[in-house]
PDB file of N, CA and C in Angstrom:
ATOM      1  N   UNK A   1      13.910  -6.713  19.735  1.00  0.00           N
ATOM      2  CA  UNK A   1      14.200  -6.496  17.999  1.00  0.00           C
ATOM      3  C   UNK A   1      12.481  -6.723  17.162  1.00  0.00           C
ATOM      4  N   UNK A   2      12.342  -6.289  16.294  1.00  0.00           N
ATOM      5  CA  UNK A   2      11.413  -6.653  15.564  1.00  0.00           C
ATOM      6  C   UNK A   2      11.882  -7.332  14.334  1.00  0.00           C
ATOM      7  N   UNK A   3      11.334  -8.208  13.452  1.00  0.00           N
ATOM      8  CA  UNK A   3      11.532  -8.820  12.594  1.00  0.00           C
ATOM      9  C   UNK A   3      11.021  -7.529  10.768  1.00  0.00           C
ATOM     10  N   UNK A   4      11.805  -7.900   9.650  1.00  0.00           N
ATOM     11  CA  UNK A   4      11.369  -6.939   9.123  1.00  0.00           C
ATOM     12  C   UNK A   4      10.992  -7.571   7.557  1.00  0.00           C
ATOM     13  N   UNK A   5      11.436  -8.884   7.791  1.00  0.00           N
ATOM     14  CA  UNK A   5      11.068 -10.032   6.532  1.00  0.00           C
ATOM     15  C   UNK A   5      10.160 -10.863   6.552  1.00  0.00           C
ATOM     16  N   UNK A   6       8.873 -10.772   5.877  1.00  0.00           N
ATOM     17  CA  UNK A   6       7.817 -11.797   5.729  1.00  0.00           C
ATOM     18  C   UNK A   6       8.197 -13.151   5.209  1.00  0.00           C
ATOM     19  N   UNK A   7       8.102 -14.342   5.984  1.00  0.00           N
ATOM     20  CA  UNK A   7       7.793 -15.587   5.038  1.00  0.00           C
ATOM     21  C   UNK A   7       6.270 -16.002   4.988  1.00  0.00           C
ATOM     22  N   UNK A   8       6.647 -17.230   4.215  1.00  0.00           N
ATOM     23  CA  UNK A   8       5.828 -17.932   3.607  1.00  0.00           C
ATOM     24  C   UNK A   8       4.447 -18.216   4.597  1.00  0.00           C
ATOM     25  N   UNK A   9       4.942 -18.684   5.806  1.00  0.00           N
ATOM     26  CA  UNK A   9       4.566 -19.658   6.679  1.00  0.00           C
ATOM     27  C   UNK A   9       3.446 -17.860   7.820  1.00  0.00           C
ATOM     28  N   UNK A  10       3.912 -16.959   7.547  1.00  0.00           N
ATOM     29  CA  UNK A  10       3.277 -15.630   8.027  1.00  0.00           C
ATOM     30  C   UNK A  10       2.274 -15.235   7.331  1.00  0.00           C
ATOM     31  N   UNK A  11       2.173 -15.540   5.959  1.00  0.00           N
ATOM     32  CA  UNK A  11       1.151 -14.759   5.158  1.00  0.00           C
ATOM     33  C   UNK A  11       0.004 -16.157   4.974  1.00  0.00           C
ATOM     34  N   UNK A  12       0.263 -17.360   5.149  1.00  0.00           N
ATOM     35  CA  UNK A  12      -0.601 -18.322   5.819  1.00  0.00           C
ATOM     36  C   UNK A  12      -1.314 -17.998   6.849  1.00  0.00           C
ATOM     37  N   UNK A  13      -0.831 -17.433   7.830  1.00  0.00           N
ATOM     38  CA  UNK A  13      -1.712 -16.792   9.071  1.00  0.00           C
ATOM     39  C   UNK A  13      -2.082 -15.858   8.651  1.00  0.00           C
ATOM     40  N   UNK A  14      -1.968 -15.185   8.267  1.00  0.00           N
ATOM     41  CA  UNK A  14      -2.348 -13.622   7.808  1.00  0.00           C
ATOM     42  C   UNK A  14      -4.017 -13.900   6.740  1.00  0.00           C
ATOM     43  N   UNK A  15      -3.872 -14.907   5.908  1.00  0.00           N
ATOM     44  CA  UNK A  15      -4.320 -14.672   4.793  1.00  0.00           C
ATOM     45  C   UNK A  15      -5.619 -16.246   4.561  1.00  0.00           C
ATOM     46  N   UNK A  16      -5.043 -16.749   5.429  1.00  0.00           N
ATOM     47  CA  UNK A  16      -6.007 -18.449   5.853  1.00  0.00           C
ATOM     48  C   UNK A  16      -5.659 -19.047   4.657  1.00  0.00           C
ATOM     49  N   UNK A  17      -4.518 -18.601   3.768  1.00  0.00           N
ATOM     50  CA  UNK A  17      -4.305 -19.359   2.330  1.00  0.00           C
ATOM     51  C   UNK A  17      -3.262 -20.417   2.748  1.00  0.00           C
ATOM     52  N   UNK A  18      -3.142 -21.264   1.511  1.00  0.00           N
ATOM     53  CA  UNK A  18      -2.131 -22.333   1.689  1.00  0.00           C
ATOM     54  C   UNK A  18      -0.882 -21.927   1.494  1.00  0.00           C
ATOM     55  N   UNK A  19       0.459 -23.083   1.879  1.00  0.00           N
ATOM     56  CA  UNK A  19       1.805 -22.776   1.870  1.00  0.00           C
ATOM     57  C   UNK A  19       2.023 -22.079   0.183  1.00  0.00           C
ATOM     58  N   UNK A  20       1.374 -23.071  -0.474  1.00  0.00           N
ATOM     59  CA  UNK A  20       1.857 -23.001  -2.112  1.00  0.00           C
ATOM     60  C   UNK A  20       1.332 -21.659  -2.483  1.00  0.00           C
ATOM     61  N   UNK A  21       0.092 -21.092  -2.095  1.00  0.00           N
ATOM     62  CA  UNK A  21      -0.246 -19.548  -2.546  1.00  0.00           C
ATOM     63  C   UNK A  21       0.533 -18.663  -2.082  1.00  0.00           C
ATOM     64  N   UNK A  22       1.046 -18.566  -0.431  1.00  0.00           N
ATOM     65  CA  UNK A  22       1.694 -17.948   0.135  1.00  0.00           C
ATOM     66  C   UNK A  22       3.174 -17.881  -0.888  1.00  0.00           C
ATOM     67  N   UNK A  23       4.088 -18.523  -1.329  1.00  0.00           N
ATOM     68  CA  UNK A  23       5.161 -18.652  -1.803  1.00  0.00           C
ATOM     69  C   UNK A  23       4.951 -18.166  -3.380  1.00  0.00           C
ATOM     70  N   UNK A  24       3.750 -18.078  -3.848  1.00  0.00           N
ATOM     71  CA  UNK A  24       3.692 -17.702  -4.909  1.00  0.00           C
ATOM     72  C   UNK A  24       3.373 -16.359  -5.090  1.00  0.00           C
ATOM     73  N   UNK A  25       2.601 -16.035  -4.005  1.00  0.00           N
ATOM     74  CA  UNK A  25       2.321 -14.310  -3.391  1.00  0.00           C
ATOM     75  C   UNK A  25       3.447 -13.790  -3.353  1.00  0.00           C
ATOM     76  N   UNK A  26       4.909 -14.298  -2.827  1.00  0.00           N
ATOM     77  CA  UNK A  26       5.692 -13.541  -2.584  1.00  0.00           C
ATOM     78  C   UNK A  26       6.681 -13.713  -3.816  1.00  0.00           C
ATOM     79  N   UNK A  27       6.234 -14.476  -5.051  1.00  0.00           N
ATOM     80  CA  UNK A  27       7.061 -14.277  -6.212  1.00  0.00           C
ATOM     81  C   UNK A  27       6.008 -13.354  -7.234  1.00  0.00           C
ATOM     82  N   UNK A  28       5.499 -12.731  -6.966  1.00  0.00           N
ATOM     83  CA  UNK A  28       3.949 -11.938  -7.914  1.00  0.00           C
ATOM     84  C   UNK A  28       4.997 -10.294  -6.968  1.00  0.00           C
ATOM     85  N   UNK A  29       5.038 -10.868  -5.456  1.00  0.00           N
ATOM     86  CA  UNK A  29       5.615  -9.320  -4.659  1.00  0.00           C
ATOM     87  C   UNK A  29       6.671  -8.713  -5.723  1.00  0.00           C
ATOM     88  N   UNK A  30       7.748 -10.283  -5.222  1.00  0.00           N
ATOM     89  CA  UNK A  30       9.350  -9.528  -6.172  1.00  0.00           C
ATOM     90  C   UNK A  30       8.945  -8.991  -7.323  1.00  0.00           C
ATOM     91  N   UNK A  31       8.445  -9.886  -8.428  1.00  0.00           N
ATOM     92  CA  UNK A  31       8.188  -9.750  -9.703  1.00  0.00           C
ATOM     93  C   UNK A  31       7.553  -8.162  -9.836  1.00  0.00           C
ATOM     94  N   UNK A  32       6.331  -7.793  -8.982  1.00  0.00           N
ATOM     95  CA  UNK A  32       5.956  -6.473  -8.753  1.00  0.00           C
ATOM     96  C   UNK A  32       7.207  -5.191  -8.676  1.00  0.00           C
ATOM     97  N   UNK A  33       7.770  -5.335  -7.273  1.00  0.00           N
ATOM     98  CA  UNK A  33       8.790  -4.746  -7.067  1.00  0.00           C
ATOM     99  C   UNK A  33      10.182  -4.428  -8.042  1.00  0.00           C
ATOM    100  N   UNK A  34      10.093  -5.702  -8.818  1.00  0.00           N
ATOM    101  CA  UNK A  34      11.332  -6.116  -9.608  1.00  0.00           C
ATOM    102  C   UNK A  34      12.590  -6.171  -8.970  1.00  0.00           C
ATOM    103  N   UNK A  35      12.550  -7.047  -7.933  1.00  0.00           N
ATOM    104  CA  UNK A  35      13.270  -7.643  -6.956  1.00  0.00           C
ATOM    105  C   UNK A  35      13.624  -8.809  -7.817  1.00  0.00           C
ATOM    106  N   UNK A  36      15.311  -9.832  -7.259  1.00  0.00           N
ATOM    107  CA  UNK A  36      15.993 -10.627  -7.943  1.00  0.00           C
ATOM    108  C   UNK A  36      15.533 -11.590  -6.755  1.00  0.00           C
ATOM    109  N   UNK A  37      15.777 -13.131  -7.068  1.00  0.00           N
ATOM    110  CA  UNK A  37      15.342 -13.833  -6.655  1.00  0.00           C
ATOM    111  C   UNK A  37      15.957 -14.285  -4.862  1.00  0.00           C
ATOM    112  N   UNK A  38      17.105 -13.786  -4.896  1.00  0.00           N
ATOM    113  CA  UNK A  38      18.009 -13.686  -3.576  1.00  0.00           C
ATOM    114  C   UNK A  38      17.908 -12.870  -2.943  1.00  0.00           C
ATOM    115  N   UNK A  39      16.661 -11.980  -3.006  1.00  0.00           N
ATOM    116  CA  UNK A  39      16.506 -10.924  -2.340  1.00  0.00           C
ATOM    117  C   UNK A  39      14.974 -11.016  -1.544  1.00  0.00           C
ATOM    118  N   UNK A  40      14.513 -10.815  -0.518  1.00  0.00           N
ATOM    119  CA  UNK A  40      13.219 -11.004   0.295  1.00  0.00           C
ATOM    120  C   UNK A  40      12.382  -9.719   0.674  1.00  0.00           C
ATOM    121  N   UNK A  41      11.533 -10.345   0.767  1.00  0.00           N
ATOM    122  CA  UNK A  41       9.956  -9.131   0.778  1.00  0.00           C
ATOM    123  C   UNK A  41       9.888  -8.964   2.335  1.00  0.00           C
ATOM    124  N   UNK A  42       9.914  -7.260   2.576  1.00  0.00           N
ATOM    125  CA  UNK A  42      10.005  -6.741   4.581  1.00  0.00           C
ATOM    126  C   UNK A  42       8.369  -7.078   3.951  1.00  0.00           C
ATOM    127  N   UNK A  43       7.843  -7.042   5.564  1.00  0.00           N
ATOM    128  CA  UNK A  43       6.774  -6.733   6.018  1.00  0.00           C
ATOM    129  C   UNK A  43       6.080  -5.522   5.825  1.00  0.00           C
ATOM    130  N   UNK A  44       6.863  -4.622   5.318  1.00  0.00           N
ATOM    131  CA  UNK A  44       6.146  -3.238   4.975  1.00  0.00           C
ATOM    132  C   UNK A  44       5.432  -3.247   3.190  1.00  0.00           C
ATOM    133  N   UNK A  45       6.567  -4.196   2.753  1.00  0.00           N
ATOM    134  CA  UNK A  45       6.446  -3.929   1.491  1.00  0.00           C
ATOM    135  C   UNK A  45       4.927  -4.919   0.879  1.00  0.00           C
ATOM    136  N   UNK A  46       4.686  -5.895   1.849  1.00  0.00           N
ATOM    137  CA  UNK A  46       3.713  -6.970   1.721  1.00  0.00           C
ATOM    138  C   UNK A  46       2.474  -6.280   1.867  1.00  0.00           C
ATOM    139  N   UNK A  47       2.505  -5.274   3.046  1.00  0.00           N
ATOM    140  CA  UNK A  47       1.546  -4.456   3.600  1.00  0.00           C
ATOM    141  C   UNK A  47       0.836  -3.965   2.081  1.00  0.00           C
ATOM    142  N   UNK A  48       1.930  -2.870   2.027  1.00  0.00           N
ATOM    143  CA  UNK A  48       1.705  -2.078   0.726  1.00  0.00           C
ATOM    144  C   UNK A  48       1.035  -2.309  -0.544  1.00  0.00           C
ATOM    145  N   UNK A  49       1.724  -3.835  -1.049  1.00  0.00           N
ATOM    146  CA  UNK A  49       1.412  -4.324  -1.544  1.00  0.00           C
ATOM    147  C   UNK A  49      -0.333  -4.955  -1.708  1.00  0.00           C
ATOM    148  N   UNK A  50      -0.343  -5.628  -0.650  1.00  0.00           N
ATOM    149  CA  UNK A  50      -1.718  -6.084  -0.155  1.00  0.00           C
ATOM    150  C   UNK A  50      -2.871  -5.196   0.371  1.00  0.00           C
ATOM    151  N   UNK A  51      -2.509  -3.896   0.667  1.00  0.00           N
ATOM    152  CA  UNK A  51      -3.599  -3.002   1.284  1.00  0.00           C
ATOM    153  C   UNK A  51      -3.747  -2.938   2.561  1.00  0.00           C
ATOM    154  N   UNK A  52      -2.822  -3.578   3.377  1.00  0.00           N
ATOM    155  CA  UNK A  52      -3.516  -3.650   4.827  1.00  0.00           C
ATOM    156  C   UNK A  52      -2.683  -2.664   5.917  1.00  0.00           C
ATOM    157  N   UNK A  53      -2.998  -3.036   7.042  1.00  0.00           N
ATOM    158  CA  UNK A  53      -2.509  -2.292   7.732  1.00  0.00           C
ATOM    159  C   UNK A  53      -1.004  -2.772   8.607  1.00  0.00           C
ATOM    160  N   UNK A  54       0.089  -2.050   8.441  1.00  0.00           N
ATOM    161  CA  UNK A  54       1.395  -3.090   9.315  1.00  0.00           C
ATOM    162  C   UNK A  54       1.581  -3.313  10.381  1.00  0.00           C
ATOM    163  N   UNK A  55       0.751  -2.478  11.404  1.00  0.00           N
ATOM    164  CA  UNK A  55       0.212  -3.017  12.847  1.00  0.00           C
ATOM    165  C   UNK A  55      -0.441  -4.109  13.016  1.00  0.00           C
ATOM    166  N   UNK A  56      -1.926  -4.023  12.202  1.00  0.00           N
ATOM    167  CA  UNK A  56      -2.318  -5.312  12.281  1.00  0.00           C
ATOM    168  C   UNK A  56      -1.862  -6.725  12.035  1.00  0.00           C
ATOM    169  N   UNK A  57      -0.846  -6.247  10.686  1.00  0.00           N
ATOM    170  CA  UNK A  57       0.047  -7.472  10.072  1.00  0.00           C
ATOM    171  C   UNK A  57       0.827  -7.853  11.316  1.00  0.00           C
ATOM    172  N   UNK A  58       1.496  -7.021  12.267  1.00  0.00           N
ATOM    173  CA  UNK A  58       2.883  -7.470  12.802  1.00  0.00           C
ATOM    174  C   UNK A  58       1.804  -7.748  14.069  1.00  0.00           C
ATOM    175  N   UNK A  59       0.826  -7.907  14.696  1.00  0.00           N
ATOM    176  CA  UNK A  59       0.226  -7.873  15.658  1.00  0.00           C
ATOM    177  C   UNK A  59      -0.558  -9.327  15.644  1.00  0.00           C
ATOM    178  N   UNK A  60      -0.593 -10.064  13.991  1.00  0.00           N
ATOM    179  CA  UNK A  60      -0.883 -11.231  14.145  1.00  0.00           C
ATOM    180  C   UNK A  60       0.610 -12.152  13.924  1.00  0.00           C
ATOM    181  N   UNK A  61       1.391 -11.365  13.200  1.00  0.00           N
ATOM    182  CA  UNK A  61       2.715 -12.769  13.422  1.00  0.00           C
ATOM    183  C   UNK A  61       3.652 -12.492  14.013  1.00  0.00           C
ATOM    184  N   UNK A  62       3.355 -11.482  15.123  1.00  0.00           N
ATOM    185  CA  UNK A  62       4.585 -11.445  16.249  1.00  0.00           C
ATOM    186  C   UNK A  62       4.085 -11.646  17.437  1.00  0.00           C
TER     187      UNK A  62
END
């Protein structure tokens, strides 16, 4: 079974940025998608926002 949700630790691996930046990026994505605080960001939403290929991202974090 593959994961659907992306976490700050995953974003750290993908971008090479800090955990603080990764949490900030998730907040920006939530705001862009009009999500509430309790809602999560999916890998596909992250990839769309960042302009990345979903298969490449899943290969990095899974």
